[in-house]
Amino acid sequence: MGKTCDHPLHGITVVIETSGPRVYIGRYHSESDAGVLLNDVDVRDVETAADRSAYLARSAKFGVFKNTDRIRVPREEIATLRRLIEYTAPAEGGHA
């Protein structure tokens, strides 16, 4: 296998947050010096921290609404890169 398929995040849905309002949610494909390549991506500008938190929790619960087939996110834009599952809100009172 090539090194793309050997990466532990290959095929996993991830969230890339930037220092600005832009958020990317998509399937991790590969990474290079130029940035991170994502497939089946939802690219959004989310202005407030509360809106961003709600958007990420909703996406973790209901899935990604793709609006872009493939995009390379430049390294200099990336503030954080985490698995989407990490944004799942804990169930309250034992109910989902």
Foldseek 3Di string as FASTA:
>chain_A
DDVQVVDPQAQFWKWFAFPFQWIKTFRWGDADQQATKGAQIDIDRHHDPVSVLVVLQCCLVPHGDGDDGMDGDGPNGGPDMGGSVVSHDDDDPPDD
